Amino acid sequence: MAAAPWVVSDELWERVEPLLPKVERRYRYPGRKRLPDRQALQGILFVLYTGIAWRHLPAELGFGGGSTCHRRMDEWQRAGVWERLHEVLLAALRAAGEIEWSRAVADSSHVQAKKGAPRRARARLTEPETAPSITFSSTRPGSRSPGRSPAATAMT
């Protein structure tokens, strides 16, 4: 019987473990012990494989809570782990001659589609300052505001 796809083999773990950031436990107020990275990875793979919500990750599987696995996935994303793992696995497949380039597809999810054009610069303003607003104007002499009429100004 084949192992479940979310179970991380020893061979895969040997490739993944060096890529993960090392997190030292605090000496003072260490808090709860961190879930081992291998278990967190298996929890992440379980959620991604099954498509269940993070909050529904079964505790009975021993992968920790869904929010823990989600936080760890986000932490590894910010550290660039997934990109480096992708490069390592591609290099291993390339070295083994297991990549068939005739079936490869590149789309905008993998390669930016810039259409060969350089990025345009912002248009510069042609006037030193912007035009006055037509919806709001400051009080000017001769306005119809009763507090600003020439007669009211002369009396004060």
C-alpha atoms as a PDB file:
ATOM      1  CA  MET A   1       0.000   0.000   0.000  1.00  0.00           C
ATOM      2  CA  ALA A   2       1.404   3.411  -0.967  1.00  0.00           C
ATOM      3  CA  ALA A   3       2.047   6.061   1.654  1.00  0.00           C
ATOM      4  CA  ALA A   4      -0.220   9.069   1.847  1.00  0.00           C
ATOM      5  CA  PRO A   5       1.060  11.922  -0.375  1.00  0.00           C
ATOM      6  CA  TRP A   6       1.468  14.269   2.582  1.00  0.00           C
ATOM      7  CA  VAL A   7       3.860  11.972   4.424  1.00  0.00           C
ATOM      8  CA  VAL A   8       7.371  13.380   4.005  1.00  0.00           C
ATOM      9  CA  SER A   9       9.879  10.643   3.203  1.00  0.00           C
ATOM     10  CA  ASP A  10      13.363  10.642   4.699  1.00  0.00           C
ATOM     11  CA  GLU A  11      14.830  11.347   1.253  1.00  0.00           C
ATOM     12  CA  LEU A  12      12.648  14.422   0.760  1.00  0.00           C
ATOM     13  CA  TRP A  13      13.257  15.604   4.321  1.00  0.00           C
ATOM     14  CA  GLU A  14      17.032  15.496   3.701  1.00  0.00           C
ATOM     15  CA  ARG A  15      16.501  17.990   0.862  1.00  0.00           C
ATOM     16  CA  VAL A  16      14.036  20.227   2.716  1.00  0.00           C
ATOM     17  CA  GLU A  17      15.574  20.492   6.182  1.00  0.00           C
ATOM     18  CA  PRO A  18      18.719  22.488   5.198  1.00  0.00           C
ATOM     19  CA  LEU A  19      16.516  25.092   3.492  1.00  0.00           C
ATOM     20  CA  LEU A  20      14.420  25.848   6.581  1.00  0.00           C
ATOM     21  CA  PRO A  21      15.357  28.807   8.774  1.00  0.00           C
ATOM     22  CA  LYS A  22      16.684  27.867  12.194  1.00  0.00           C
ATOM     23  CA  VAL A  23      14.597  29.367  14.993  1.00  0.00           C
ATOM     24  CA  GLU A  24      16.289  29.522  18.370  1.00  0.00           C
ATOM     25  CA  ARG A  25      14.130  29.111  21.446  1.00  0.00           C
ATOM     26  CA  ARG A  26      14.160  32.051  23.841  1.00  0.00           C
ATOM     27  CA  TYR A  27      16.091  31.463  27.037  1.00  0.00           C
ATOM     28  CA  ARG A  28      13.916  33.649  29.238  1.00  0.00           C
ATOM     29  CA  TYR A  29      10.168  32.980  28.945  1.00  0.00           C
ATOM     30  CA  PRO A  30      10.579  30.266  26.320  1.00  0.00           C
ATOM     31  CA  GLY A  31       6.830  29.670  25.980  1.00  0.00           C
ATOM     32  CA  ARG A  32       5.340  26.573  24.427  1.00  0.00           C
ATOM     33  CA  LYS A  33       7.724  24.257  22.601  1.00  0.00           C
ATOM     34  CA  ARG A  34       7.674  24.774  18.834  1.00  0.00           C
ATOM     35  CA  LEU A  35       6.073  22.094  16.654  1.00  0.00           C
ATOM     36  CA  PRO A  36       8.804  20.169  14.792  1.00  0.00           C
ATOM     37  CA  ASP A  37       9.252  21.422  11.236  1.00  0.00           C
ATOM     38  CA  ARG A  38       8.695  18.007   9.668  1.00  0.00           C
ATOM     39  CA  GLN A  39       5.277  17.689  11.303  1.00  0.00           C
ATOM     40  CA  ALA A  40       4.371  21.229  10.246  1.00  0.00           C
ATOM     41  CA  LEU A  41       5.400  20.438   6.654  1.00  0.00           C
ATOM     42  CA  GLN A  42       3.226  17.316   6.666  1.00  0.00           C
ATOM     43  CA  GLY A  43       0.302  19.385   7.987  1.00  0.00           C
ATOM     44  CA  ILE A  44       0.813  21.943   5.211  1.00  0.00           C
ATOM     45  CA  LEU A  45       0.946  19.200   2.585  1.00  0.00           C
ATOM     46  CA  PHE A  46      -2.180  17.561   4.034  1.00  0.00           C
ATOM     47  CA  VAL A  47      -4.179  20.793   3.789  1.00  0.00           C
ATOM     48  CA  LEU A  48      -2.901  21.539   0.283  1.00  0.00           C
ATOM     49  CA  TYR A  49      -3.569  17.980  -0.902  1.00  0.00           C
ATOM     50  CA  THR A  50      -7.048  17.584   0.586  1.00  0.00           C
ATOM     51  CA  GLY A  51      -8.215  21.176   0.156  1.00  0.00           C
ATOM     52  CA  ILE A  52      -9.737  21.407   3.630  1.00  0.00           C
ATOM     53  CA  ALA A  53      -9.741  24.676   5.541  1.00  0.00           C
ATOM     54  CA  TRP A  54      -6.786  25.297   7.827  1.00  0.00           C
ATOM     55  CA  ARG A  55      -9.077  25.409  10.848  1.00  0.00           C
ATOM     56  CA  HIS A  56     -10.342  21.893  10.044  1.00  0.00           C
ATOM     57  CA  LEU A  57      -6.919  20.219  10.147  1.00  0.00           C
ATOM     58  CA  PRO A  58      -7.530  17.144  12.343  1.00  0.00           C
ATOM     59  CA  ALA A  59      -5.493  17.207  15.553  1.00  0.00           C
ATOM     60  CA  GLU A  60      -5.521  13.385  15.569  1.00  0.00           C
ATOM     61  CA  LEU A  61      -3.038  13.339  12.678  1.00  0.00           C
ATOM     62  CA  GLY A  62      -0.329  14.896  14.857  1.00  0.00           C
ATOM     63  CA  PHE A  63       0.407  17.822  12.535  1.00  0.00           C
ATOM     64  CA  GLY A  64      -0.419  20.478  15.105  1.00  0.00           C
ATOM     65  CA  GLY A  65      -3.180  23.021  14.670  1.00  0.00           C
ATOM     66  CA  GLY A  66      -4.178  24.497  11.357  1.00  0.00           C
ATOM     67  CA  SER A  67      -3.222  28.019  12.390  1.00  0.00           C
ATOM     68  CA  THR A  68       0.237  26.767  13.418  1.00  0.00           C
ATOM     69  CA  CYS A  69       0.776  25.116  10.035  1.00  0.00           C
ATOM     70  CA  HIS A  70      -0.526  28.173   8.204  1.00  0.00           C
ATOM     71  CA  ARG A  71       1.797  30.475  10.166  1.00  0.00           C
ATOM     72  CA  ARG A  72       4.744  28.181   9.443  1.00  0.00           C
ATOM     73  CA  MET A  73       3.887  28.107   5.733  1.00  0.00           C
ATOM     74  CA  ASP A  74       3.759  31.920   5.702  1.00  0.00           C
ATOM     75  CA  GLU A  75       7.038  32.146   7.641  1.00  0.00           C
ATOM     76  CA  TRP A  76       8.741  29.856   5.131  1.00  0.00           C
ATOM     77  CA  GLN A  77       7.257  31.787   2.212  1.00  0.00           C
ATOM     78  CA  ARG A  78       8.732  35.057   3.546  1.00  0.00           C
ATOM     79  CA  ALA A  79      12.084  33.282   4.063  1.00  0.00           C
ATOM     80  CA  GLY A  80      12.112  32.065   0.429  1.00  0.00           C
ATOM     81  CA  VAL A  81      12.031  28.366   1.334  1.00  0.00           C
ATOM     82  CA  TRP A  82       9.502  27.342  -1.317  1.00  0.00           C
ATOM     83  CA  GLU A  83      11.399  29.029  -4.145  1.00  0.00           C
ATOM     84  CA  ARG A  84      14.705  27.446  -3.086  1.00  0.00           C
ATOM     85  CA  LEU A  85      13.032  24.035  -2.684  1.00  0.00           C
ATOM     86  CA  HIS A  86      11.619  24.353  -6.194  1.00  0.00           C
ATOM     87  CA  GLU A  87      15.120  25.107  -7.526  1.00  0.00           C
ATOM     88  CA  VAL A  88      16.657  22.165  -5.629  1.00  0.00           C
ATOM     89  CA  LEU A  89      14.040  19.706  -6.869  1.00  0.00           C
ATOM     90  CA  LEU A  90      14.321  20.959 -10.459  1.00  0.00           C
ATOM     91  CA  ALA A  91      18.115  20.603 -10.326  1.00  0.00           C
ATOM     92  CA  ALA A  92      17.769  17.026  -9.057  1.00  0.00           C
ATOM     93  CA  LEU A  93      15.295  16.161 -11.799  1.00  0.00           C
ATOM     94  CA  ARG A  94      17.475  17.835 -14.424  1.00  0.00           C
ATOM     95  CA  ALA A  95      20.550  15.892 -13.237  1.00  0.00           C
ATOM     96  CA  ALA A  96      18.596  12.632 -13.423  1.00  0.00           C
ATOM     97  CA  GLY A  97      17.329  13.464 -16.928  1.00  0.00           C
ATOM     98  CA  GLU A  98      13.729  13.311 -15.718  1.00  0.00           C
ATOM     99  CA  ILE A  99      12.518  16.627 -17.164  1.00  0.00           C
ATOM    100  CA  GLU A 100      10.862  16.342 -20.556  1.00  0.00           C
ATOM    101  CA  TRP A 101      11.076  19.852 -21.997  1.00  0.00           C
ATOM    102  CA  SER A 102       8.758  19.032 -24.924  1.00  0.00           C
ATOM    103  CA  ARG A 103       5.870  18.988 -22.436  1.00  0.00           C
ATOM    104  CA  ALA A 104       6.874  22.154 -20.551  1.00  0.00           C
ATOM    105  CA  VAL A 105       4.552  25.151 -20.400  1.00  0.00           C
ATOM    106  CA  ALA A 106       5.425  28.665 -19.271  1.00  0.00           C
ATOM    107  CA  ASP A 107       2.625  31.054 -18.428  1.00  0.00           C
ATOM    108  CA  SER A 108       2.190  34.244 -16.427  1.00  0.00           C
ATOM    109  CA  SER A 109       1.995  32.320 -13.152  1.00  0.00           C
ATOM    110  CA  HIS A 110       5.637  31.287 -13.634  1.00  0.00           C
ATOM    111  CA  VAL A 111       7.130  34.003 -15.850  1.00  0.00           C
ATOM    112  CA  GLN A 112       6.209  37.674 -15.899  1.00  0.00           C
ATOM    113  CA  ALA A 113       4.570  38.612 -19.184  1.00  0.00           C
ATOM    114  CA  LYS A 114       5.970  42.059 -19.914  1.00  0.00           C
ATOM    115  CA  LYS A 115       5.343  41.976 -23.678  1.00  0.00           C
ATOM    116  CA  GLY A 116       8.875  43.211 -24.249  1.00  0.00           C
ATOM    117  CA  ALA A 117       8.063  46.832 -23.518  1.00  0.00           C
ATOM    118  CA  PRO A 118      10.011  48.863 -20.987  1.00  0.00           C
ATOM    119  CA  ARG A 119       8.064  50.296 -18.093  1.00  0.00           C
ATOM    120  CA  ARG A 120       6.796  53.778 -18.843  1.00  0.00           C
ATOM    121  CA  ALA A 121       7.777  56.652 -16.621  1.00  0.00           C
ATOM    122  CA  ARG A 122       5.113  58.808 -15.009  1.00  0.00           C
ATOM    123  CA  ALA A 123       4.067  61.832 -17.006  1.00  0.00           C
ATOM    124  CA  ARG A 124       5.617  65.035 -15.710  1.00  0.00           C
ATOM    125  CA  LEU A 125       3.484  68.029 -14.857  1.00  0.00           C
ATOM    126  CA  THR A 126       3.643  70.772 -17.467  1.00  0.00           C
ATOM    127  CA  GLU A 127       2.638  73.558 -15.092  1.00  0.00           C
ATOM    128  CA  PRO A 128       4.406  74.559 -11.891  1.00  0.00           C
ATOM    129  CA  GLU A 129       1.282  73.934  -9.800  1.00  0.00           C
ATOM    130  CA  THR A 130      -2.156  72.503 -10.274  1.00  0.00           C
ATOM    131  CA  ALA A 131      -5.182  74.523 -11.329  1.00  0.00           C
ATOM    132  CA  PRO A 132      -7.536  75.902  -8.674  1.00  0.00           C
ATOM    133  CA  SER A 133     -10.410  73.671  -7.687  1.00  0.00           C
ATOM    134  CA  ILE A 134     -13.773  74.487  -9.214  1.00  0.00           C
ATOM    135  CA  THR A 135     -15.677  72.835  -6.354  1.00  0.00           C
ATOM    136  CA  PHE A 136     -14.004  74.769  -3.578  1.00  0.00           C
ATOM    137  CA  SER A 137     -12.682  78.274  -3.581  1.00  0.00           C
ATOM    138  CA  SER A 138     -11.117  80.326  -0.869  1.00  0.00           C
ATOM    139  CA  THR A 139     -12.841  83.515   0.179  1.00  0.00           C
ATOM    140  CA  ARG A 140     -12.006  86.380  -2.152  1.00  0.00           C
ATOM    141  CA  PRO A 141     -12.837  90.038  -2.000  1.00  0.00           C
ATOM    142  CA  GLY A 142     -16.215  90.588  -3.554  1.00  0.00           C
ATOM    143  CA  SER A 143     -17.597  87.166  -2.648  1.00  0.00           C
ATOM    144  CA  ARG A 144     -21.249  86.903  -1.676  1.00  0.00           C
ATOM    145  CA  SER A 145     -20.593  85.511   1.767  1.00  0.00           C
ATOM    146  CA  PRO A 146     -22.291  87.821   4.324  1.00  0.00           C
ATOM    147  CA  GLY A 147     -19.307  87.725   6.658  1.00  0.00           C
ATOM    148  CA  ARG A 148     -16.939  88.747   3.877  1.00  0.00           C
ATOM    149  CA  SER A 149     -18.892  91.458   2.096  1.00  0.00           C
ATOM    150  CA  PRO A 150     -17.111  94.832   1.643  1.00  0.00           C
ATOM    151  CA  ALA A 151     -19.772  96.491   3.816  1.00  0.00           C
ATOM    152  CA  ALA A 152     -19.246  94.024   6.677  1.00  0.00           C
ATOM    153  CA  THR A 153     -15.469  94.424   6.404  1.00  0.00           C
ATOM    154  CA  ALA A 154     -15.691  98.229   6.515  1.00  0.00           C
ATOM    155  CA  MET A 155     -17.752  98.208   9.713  1.00  0.00           C
ATOM    156  CA  THR A 156     -15.354  96.057  11.694  1.00  0.00           C
END
